[in-house]
Amino acid sequence: MTKLDRYILRQFVLTSAFSLLAITIIFVAVNLMDNLDDFIDANASLWMVVEYYLFFIPEIIKLMTPVAILLSALFTTGRLSTYNELTALKSGGVSLFRFMVPMLAFALFVSGISIYFNGWVVPFANKKKVELGRRYFQKDIRFISKSNIFIQDSKTRILSIGMFDDSRNVAMRVSIQDFDPNDPTLMLSRYDANEMSWNDSTKTWELINGSERKFEGKSENLFHFNIYNIGMLNFTPDDIKKKQEKPEEMNYPDLKQFIVSQQRAGHEVSRWMVDYYGKIAFPFASVIVVLFGVPFSSVKRRSGLGVEFGIAIGISFLYMIFLQVSQAFGYNGDLHPLLTAWLANIVFFAAGIFVLFRVPK
């Protein structure tokens, strides 16, 4: 690494860190003001609020890292251009491509760290935040309901559970209905039980105190049982718990396993596949915004930092809007999930390359 690289990198890293810190503080302050009534109504202590926001900050960092990188690229390049340092570098034979190398290298490093951070740290923090919100502030109750659960175990089997006790891995008021694979409106059998317990040694479910009905034409055979091993179902107690979680609360392996279980049950999984691929695609926005920021600020202008900040916010909003629109198509199955997750990156990467080749080198 040359002395020039260290000089550029030092300014770029410090500006990125300061930008991310400032954005995080502003974000937390605004959210705190929005939730202040809830905290007061819940008689929340200072530590409760601090703990809640400690687990909220990783999600903010995940979303705001590309914005901070873009701001840093604009400010660093703009400052060097304003003081004619960039002009001197070009006169000395340093091209804009060479000038961008340390910034791109750092942005790529940040993207690599973000893949792990977004895939494991953020879901863990989000889960803790939801738990704290539920325990202290009665937030997001609808997402952790353990009653009236419906599960499609396979294309021909549907389960309904009145209540699930995750401390004992026991489901109450259970009904299992099996249908004819050739005629899904024709029920072949039905199991009703007071409880369904998970046998951890055999990894199977057992129905307790219930009845089995077999339907053959217009006739019906009824059998009562105390304990009946229903065998291998396509879900475990952990799957029921995860059914209450959102994709942003699952790490990569958990989300992948959840998608596989939903596919096995015959569900449409496009939405979750988009979220899964998006966890990997979004971190690379940090590299793409450098391609936007550096060429744009390399042209000397009379505008101040306020204009640079406005440009950064504008580009960030355009990226997020395009990302949300493309996700809507992916969630509906109109686009392949992998293409949906990377489409915003592909479009903005092409636009960044276009801008790069349009400015003087």
Protein backbone atom coordinates (compact mmCIF):
# COMPACT_ATOMS: atom_id res chain seq x y z
CA MET A 1 0.00 0.00 0.00
CA THR A 2 1.44 3.35 -1.06
CA LYS A 3 1.47 6.55 0.95
CA LEU A 4 -1.25 7.91 -1.33
CA ASP A 5 -3.47 4.89 -0.64
CA ARG A 6 -3.05 5.35 3.11
CA TYR A 7 -3.88 9.04 2.82
CA ILE A 8 -7.08 8.41 0.84
CA LEU A 9 -8.07 5.41 2.92
CA ARG A 10 -7.62 7.25 6.23
CA GLN A 11 -9.97 10.03 5.17
CA PHE A 12 -12.47 7.60 3.65
CA VAL A 13 -12.59 5.32 6.71
CA LEU A 14 -12.85 8.16 9.23
CA THR A 15 -15.61 9.86 7.24
CA SER A 16 -17.50 6.54 6.89
CA ALA A 17 -17.28 5.87 10.63
CA PHE A 18 -18.37 9.40 11.52
CA SER A 19 -21.25 9.29 9.02
CA LEU A 20 -22.50 5.94 10.30
CA LEU A 21 -22.26 7.12 13.92
CA ALA A 22 -24.12 10.36 13.18
CA ILE A 23 -26.87 8.59 11.20
CA THR A 24 -27.29 5.97 13.95
CA ILE A 25 -27.62 8.63 16.66
CA ILE A 26 -30.19 10.56 14.61
CA PHE A 27 -32.13 7.36 13.84
CA VAL A 28 -32.22 6.31 17.50
CA ALA A 29 -33.24 9.80 18.63
CA VAL A 30 -36.13 9.98 16.17
CA ASN A 31 -37.31 6.46 17.05
CA LEU A 32 -37.03 7.24 20.77
CA MET A 33 -39.24 10.29 20.39
CA ASP A 34 -41.76 8.18 18.45
CA ASN A 35 -41.87 5.46 21.14
CA LEU A 36 -41.54 7.71 24.18
CA ASP A 37 -45.25 7.45 25.06
CA ASP A 38 -45.05 3.64 25.05
CA PHE A 39 -42.00 3.67 27.31
CA ILE A 40 -43.68 6.06 29.75
CA ASP A 41 -46.93 4.04 29.79
CA ALA A 42 -44.93 0.89 30.55
CA ASN A 43 -43.00 2.65 33.35
CA ALA A 44 -39.82 1.55 31.61
CA SER A 45 -36.55 2.11 33.45
CA LEU A 46 -33.57 3.74 31.79
CA TRP A 47 -31.83 0.37 31.50
CA MET A 48 -34.86 -1.17 29.75
CA VAL A 49 -34.79 1.55 27.10
CA VAL A 50 -31.00 1.32 26.70
CA GLU A 51 -31.16 -2.47 26.36
CA TYR A 52 -33.94 -2.19 23.78
CA TYR A 53 -31.92 0.20 21.61
CA LEU A 54 -28.70 -1.76 22.01
CA PHE A 55 -30.45 -4.58 20.17
CA PHE A 56 -32.04 -2.13 17.71
CA ILE A 57 -28.73 -0.56 16.63
CA PRO A 58 -27.50 -3.57 14.55
CA GLU A 59 -30.56 -3.27 12.27
CA ILE A 60 -29.85 0.46 11.85
CA ILE A 61 -26.20 -0.26 11.01
CA LYS A 62 -27.26 -2.87 8.47
CA LEU A 63 -29.56 -0.44 6.65
CA MET A 64 -27.40 2.68 6.94
CA THR A 65 -23.94 1.26 6.10
CA PRO A 66 -24.33 1.81 2.31
CA VAL A 67 -25.57 5.36 2.99
CA ALA A 68 -22.54 6.07 5.19
CA ILE A 69 -20.19 4.65 2.54
CA LEU A 70 -21.85 6.80 -0.13
CA LEU A 71 -21.59 9.94 2.01
CA SER A 72 -17.94 9.19 2.66
CA ALA A 73 -17.22 8.67 -1.04
CA LEU A 74 -18.89 11.99 -1.90
CA PHE A 75 -17.29 13.98 0.92
CA THR A 76 -13.80 12.52 0.57
CA THR A 77 -13.65 12.95 -3.20
CA GLY A 78 -15.38 16.33 -3.07
CA ARG A 79 -12.94 17.65 -0.50
CA LEU A 80 -9.91 16.55 -2.51
CA SER A 81 -11.46 18.08 -5.63
CA THR A 82 -12.29 21.37 -3.89
CA TYR A 83 -8.72 21.84 -2.66
CA ASN A 84 -7.30 20.84 -6.08
CA GLU A 85 -5.61 17.76 -4.60
CA LEU A 86 -7.44 15.52 -7.05
CA THR A 87 -6.33 17.75 -9.93
CA ALA A 88 -2.73 17.48 -8.76
CA LEU A 89 -3.02 13.70 -8.59
CA LYS A 90 -4.37 13.54 -12.14
CA SER A 91 -1.53 15.82 -13.32
CA GLY A 92 0.91 13.42 -11.69
CA GLY A 93 -0.45 10.51 -13.71
CA VAL A 94 -2.87 9.05 -11.14
CA SER A 95 -6.09 8.14 -12.95
CA LEU A 96 -9.53 8.18 -11.38
CA PHE A 97 -9.56 4.37 -11.56
CA ARG A 98 -6.35 4.20 -9.52
CA PHE A 99 -7.68 6.80 -7.10
CA MET A 100 -10.75 4.64 -6.40
CA VAL A 101 -8.82 1.45 -5.60
CA PRO A 102 -8.43 1.96 -1.81
CA MET A 103 -12.06 3.06 -1.48
CA LEU A 104 -13.33 0.06 -3.44
CA ALA A 105 -11.10 -2.27 -1.44
CA PHE A 106 -12.45 -0.93 1.85
CA ALA A 107 -16.05 -1.06 0.56
CA LEU A 108 -15.52 -4.68 -0.51
CA PHE A 109 -14.11 -5.46 2.94
CA VAL A 110 -17.16 -3.85 4.57
CA SER A 111 -19.44 -5.90 2.28
CA GLY A 112 -17.74 -9.13 3.36
CA ILE A 113 -18.12 -8.24 7.04
CA SER A 114 -21.73 -7.19 6.43
CA ILE A 115 -22.63 -10.61 5.00
CA TYR A 116 -21.79 -12.22 8.34
CA PHE A 117 -23.15 -9.27 10.34
CA ASN A 118 -26.48 -9.24 8.46
CA GLY A 119 -26.75 -13.03 8.43
CA TRP A 120 -26.13 -13.79 12.10
CA VAL A 121 -25.69 -10.72 14.31
CA VAL A 122 -28.68 -8.73 13.04
CA PRO A 123 -31.22 -11.63 13.25
CA PHE A 124 -30.07 -12.41 16.80
CA ALA A 125 -30.40 -8.75 17.79
CA ASN A 126 -33.80 -8.43 16.09
CA LYS A 127 -35.09 -11.48 17.94
CA LYS A 128 -33.91 -10.06 21.26
CA LYS A 129 -35.44 -6.69 20.43
CA VAL A 130 -38.82 -8.31 19.74
CA GLU A 131 -38.60 -10.28 23.00
CA LEU A 132 -37.77 -7.13 24.97
CA GLY A 133 -40.52 -5.18 23.24
CA ARG A 134 -43.02 -7.90 24.06
CA ARG A 135 -41.89 -8.28 27.66
CA TYR A 136 -41.59 -4.62 28.58
CA PHE A 137 -43.63 -2.61 26.10
CA GLN A 138 -46.24 -5.03 24.67
CA LYS A 139 -44.92 -4.57 21.12
CA ASP A 140 -45.39 -6.99 18.20
CA ILE A 141 -47.68 -9.30 20.14
CA ARG A 142 -49.29 -10.48 16.92
CA PHE A 143 -46.04 -12.01 15.72
CA ILE A 144 -45.49 -14.33 18.69
CA SER A 145 -49.00 -15.70 19.15
CA LYS A 146 -48.90 -19.41 20.01
CA SER A 147 -52.59 -20.08 19.56
CA ASN A 148 -54.72 -20.99 16.55
CA ILE A 149 -51.80 -22.29 14.50
CA PHE A 150 -52.47 -23.87 11.10
CA ILE A 151 -49.84 -25.98 9.35
CA GLN A 152 -49.93 -27.65 5.95
CA ASP A 153 -47.69 -30.63 6.66
CA SER A 154 -47.88 -31.93 3.09
CA LYS A 155 -50.03 -31.49 0.01
CA THR A 156 -52.58 -33.91 1.47
CA ARG A 157 -52.30 -33.25 5.23
CA ILE A 158 -53.43 -30.21 7.23
CA LEU A 159 -53.04 -29.65 10.98
CA SER A 160 -54.70 -27.18 13.29
CA ILE A 161 -53.37 -26.51 16.80
CA GLY A 162 -55.39 -24.68 19.42
CA MET A 163 -52.38 -23.79 21.56
CA PHE A 164 -48.69 -24.70 21.71
CA ASP A 165 -46.65 -24.84 24.92
CA ASP A 166 -43.04 -24.36 23.83
CA SER A 167 -41.71 -25.03 27.34
CA ARG A 168 -42.98 -28.65 27.18
CA ASN A 169 -43.19 -29.05 23.39
CA VAL A 170 -46.85 -29.99 23.70
CA ALA A 171 -49.66 -28.94 21.39
CA MET A 172 -53.26 -28.79 22.66
CA ARG A 173 -56.57 -29.26 20.82
CA VAL A 174 -55.02 -30.87 17.76
CA SER A 175 -56.81 -31.86 14.57
CA ILE A 176 -55.07 -33.65 11.67
CA GLN A 177 -56.90 -34.11 8.36
CA ASP A 178 -55.71 -36.32 5.50
CA PHE A 179 -57.12 -35.83 1.98
CA ASP A 180 -57.16 -37.89 -1.19
CA PRO A 181 -54.18 -36.88 -3.40
CA ASN A 182 -56.37 -37.30 -6.49
CA ASP A 183 -59.28 -35.32 -5.06
CA PRO A 184 -58.21 -32.73 -2.45
CA THR A 185 -61.86 -32.15 -1.48
CA LEU A 186 -62.25 -35.77 -0.31
CA MET A 187 -61.18 -36.42 3.28
CA LEU A 188 -59.77 -39.92 3.91
CA SER A 189 -59.11 -39.73 7.65
CA ARG A 190 -59.11 -37.36 10.60
CA TYR A 191 -57.34 -37.40 13.95
CA ASP A 192 -58.55 -35.33 16.91
CA ALA A 193 -56.64 -35.29 20.19
CA ASN A 194 -56.50 -33.31 23.40
CA GLU A 195 -52.71 -33.14 23.17
CA MET A 196 -49.86 -33.89 20.78
CA SER A 197 -46.49 -34.39 22.45
CA TRP A 198 -43.02 -34.43 20.90
CA ASN A 199 -40.98 -37.57 21.65
CA ASP A 200 -37.41 -36.34 21.62
CA SER A 201 -35.88 -39.84 21.64
CA THR A 202 -37.71 -41.07 18.51
CA LYS A 203 -38.12 -37.61 16.92
CA THR A 204 -41.82 -38.28 16.33
CA TRP A 205 -45.15 -36.84 17.48
CA GLU A 206 -47.56 -38.73 19.74
CA LEU A 207 -51.29 -38.01 19.96
CA ILE A 208 -52.77 -38.30 23.47
CA ASN A 209 -56.42 -38.97 24.36
CA GLY A 210 -58.08 -38.72 21.01
CA SER A 211 -59.93 -40.42 18.22
CA GLU A 212 -59.30 -41.51 14.64
CA ARG A 213 -61.94 -41.44 11.92
CA LYS A 214 -61.57 -43.39 8.67
CA PHE A 215 -63.86 -42.48 5.78
CA GLU A 216 -64.64 -45.07 3.13
CA GLY A 217 -67.32 -43.86 0.78
CA LYS A 218 -70.34 -43.01 2.93
CA SER A 219 -69.21 -45.16 5.86
CA GLU A 220 -67.17 -43.96 8.82
CA ASN A 221 -65.06 -46.00 11.24
CA LEU A 222 -64.30 -44.45 14.63
CA PHE A 223 -61.43 -45.56 16.90
CA HIS A 224 -60.45 -44.13 20.30
CA PHE A 225 -56.91 -44.16 21.69
CA ASN A 226 -54.95 -43.06 24.72
CA ILE A 227 -51.61 -42.73 22.93
CA TYR A 228 -51.14 -42.92 19.19
CA ASN A 229 -47.79 -42.41 17.43
CA ILE A 230 -48.60 -40.37 14.36
CA GLY A 231 -45.07 -40.93 13.09
CA MET A 232 -42.88 -38.58 11.11
CA LEU A 233 -44.47 -35.24 10.42
CA ASN A 234 -42.66 -32.62 8.36
CA PHE A 235 -42.13 -30.25 11.27
CA THR A 236 -40.61 -30.18 14.75
CA PRO A 237 -41.30 -28.01 17.82
CA ASP A 238 -38.57 -25.65 16.62
CA ASP A 239 -40.40 -25.27 13.32
CA ILE A 240 -43.54 -24.18 15.18
CA LYS A 241 -41.52 -21.59 17.08
CA LYS A 242 -39.86 -20.39 13.89
CA LYS A 243 -43.25 -20.17 12.22
CA GLN A 244 -43.84 -17.18 14.49
CA GLU A 245 -40.57 -15.53 13.44
CA LYS A 246 -40.05 -13.16 10.53
CA PRO A 247 -37.20 -13.58 8.02
CA GLU A 248 -35.26 -10.72 9.60
CA GLU A 249 -35.18 -12.71 12.86
CA MET A 250 -33.67 -15.82 11.22
CA ASN A 251 -30.02 -16.38 10.38
CA TYR A 252 -28.94 -17.95 7.09
CA PRO A 253 -29.21 -21.65 8.15
CA ASP A 254 -32.52 -21.15 9.98
CA LEU A 255 -34.09 -19.31 7.05
CA LYS A 256 -32.82 -21.92 4.59
CA GLN A 257 -34.21 -24.73 6.75
CA PHE A 258 -37.52 -22.88 7.06
CA ILE A 259 -37.73 -22.54 3.27
CA VAL A 260 -37.03 -26.25 2.78
CA SER A 261 -39.77 -27.18 5.25
CA GLN A 262 -42.23 -24.88 3.49
CA GLN A 263 -41.32 -26.37 0.10
CA ARG A 264 -41.84 -29.84 1.50
CA ALA A 265 -45.30 -28.82 2.64
CA GLY A 266 -46.13 -27.55 -0.84
CA HIS A 267 -46.16 -23.85 0.01
CA GLU A 268 -45.08 -21.04 -2.31
CA VAL A 269 -41.65 -19.92 -1.06
CA SER A 270 -40.79 -17.09 -3.47
CA ARG A 271 -41.10 -14.45 -0.76
CA TRP A 272 -38.71 -16.20 1.62
CA MET A 273 -36.27 -17.03 -1.17
CA VAL A 274 -36.11 -13.33 -2.08
CA ASP A 275 -35.36 -12.47 1.56
CA TYR A 276 -32.73 -15.24 1.74
CA TYR A 277 -30.85 -14.07 -1.35
CA GLY A 278 -31.36 -10.45 -0.31
CA LYS A 279 -29.39 -11.03 2.90
CA ILE A 280 -26.35 -11.68 0.69
CA ALA A 281 -27.05 -9.17 -2.09
CA PHE A 282 -27.75 -6.07 0.02
CA PRO A 283 -24.25 -5.79 1.60
CA PHE A 284 -22.69 -5.32 -1.85
CA ALA A 285 -24.56 -2.02 -2.17
CA SER A 286 -21.57 -0.55 -0.31
CA VAL A 287 -19.32 -1.30 -3.29
CA ILE A 288 -21.82 -0.02 -5.84
CA VAL A 289 -22.35 3.35 -4.15
CA VAL A 290 -18.60 4.04 -4.37
CA LEU A 291 -18.88 3.73 -8.15
CA PHE A 292 -21.57 6.43 -7.96
CA GLY A 293 -20.01 8.73 -5.39
CA VAL A 294 -16.41 9.03 -6.55
CA PRO A 295 -17.03 9.93 -10.25
CA PHE A 296 -19.83 12.32 -9.34
CA SER A 297 -17.70 14.26 -6.82
CA SER A 298 -14.51 14.14 -8.89
CA VAL A 299 -15.83 17.01 -11.04
CA LYS A 300 -15.10 20.27 -9.26
CA ARG A 301 -18.27 22.19 -8.33
CA ARG A 302 -19.10 25.25 -6.29
CA SER A 303 -21.75 23.38 -4.32
CA GLY A 304 -21.15 22.79 -0.64
CA LEU A 305 -21.49 19.80 1.65
CA GLY A 306 -25.24 20.28 1.86
CA VAL A 307 -25.63 19.51 -1.82
CA GLU A 308 -23.37 16.46 -1.47
CA PHE A 309 -25.50 15.24 1.43
CA GLY A 310 -28.68 15.78 -0.58
CA ILE A 311 -27.26 13.82 -3.51
CA ALA A 312 -26.34 10.94 -1.21
CA ILE A 313 -29.83 10.82 0.30
CA GLY A 314 -31.41 11.05 -3.16
CA ILE A 315 -29.36 8.16 -4.55
CA SER A 316 -30.08 6.09 -1.42
CA PHE A 317 -33.82 6.68 -1.72
CA LEU A 318 -33.76 5.75 -5.40
CA TYR A 319 -31.93 2.53 -4.58
CA MET A 320 -34.35 1.62 -1.78
CA ILE A 321 -37.40 2.43 -3.91
CA PHE A 322 -36.08 0.32 -6.78
CA LEU A 323 -35.29 -2.47 -4.31
CA GLN A 324 -38.81 -2.42 -2.87
CA VAL A 325 -40.44 -2.39 -6.32
CA SER A 326 -38.34 -5.31 -7.56
CA GLN A 327 -39.07 -7.23 -4.34
CA ALA A 328 -42.79 -6.84 -4.94
CA PHE A 329 -42.42 -8.62 -8.28
CA GLY A 330 -40.27 -11.30 -6.66
CA TYR A 331 -42.70 -11.87 -3.80
CA ASN A 332 -45.48 -12.46 -6.33
CA GLY A 333 -43.35 -14.96 -8.24
CA ASP A 334 -43.13 -12.78 -11.36
CA LEU A 335 -39.31 -12.68 -11.16
CA HIS A 336 -36.86 -15.37 -10.11
CA PRO A 337 -35.92 -14.82 -6.42
CA LEU A 338 -32.17 -14.72 -7.18
CA LEU A 339 -32.64 -12.13 -9.93
CA THR A 340 -34.99 -10.12 -7.72
CA ALA A 341 -32.46 -9.93 -4.89
CA TRP A 342 -29.64 -8.79 -7.19
CA LEU A 343 -31.64 -6.68 -9.67
CA ALA A 344 -31.16 -3.35 -7.84
CA ASN A 345 -27.43 -4.03 -7.53
CA ILE A 346 -27.16 -4.93 -11.22
CA VAL A 347 -29.02 -1.83 -12.40
CA PHE A 348 -27.15 0.59 -10.14
CA PHE A 349 -23.82 -1.08 -10.90
CA ALA A 350 -24.45 -0.50 -14.62
CA ALA A 351 -25.45 3.11 -13.90
CA GLY A 352 -22.33 3.59 -11.78
CA ILE A 353 -20.09 2.27 -14.56
CA PHE A 354 -21.85 4.60 -17.00
CA VAL A 355 -21.21 7.62 -14.76
CA LEU A 356 -17.59 6.51 -14.24
CA PHE A 357 -16.84 6.45 -17.95
CA ARG A 358 -18.63 9.75 -18.57
CA VAL A 359 -16.43 11.90 -16.31
CA PRO A 360 -12.82 12.95 -17.07
CA LYS A 361 -10.28 10.45 -15.83
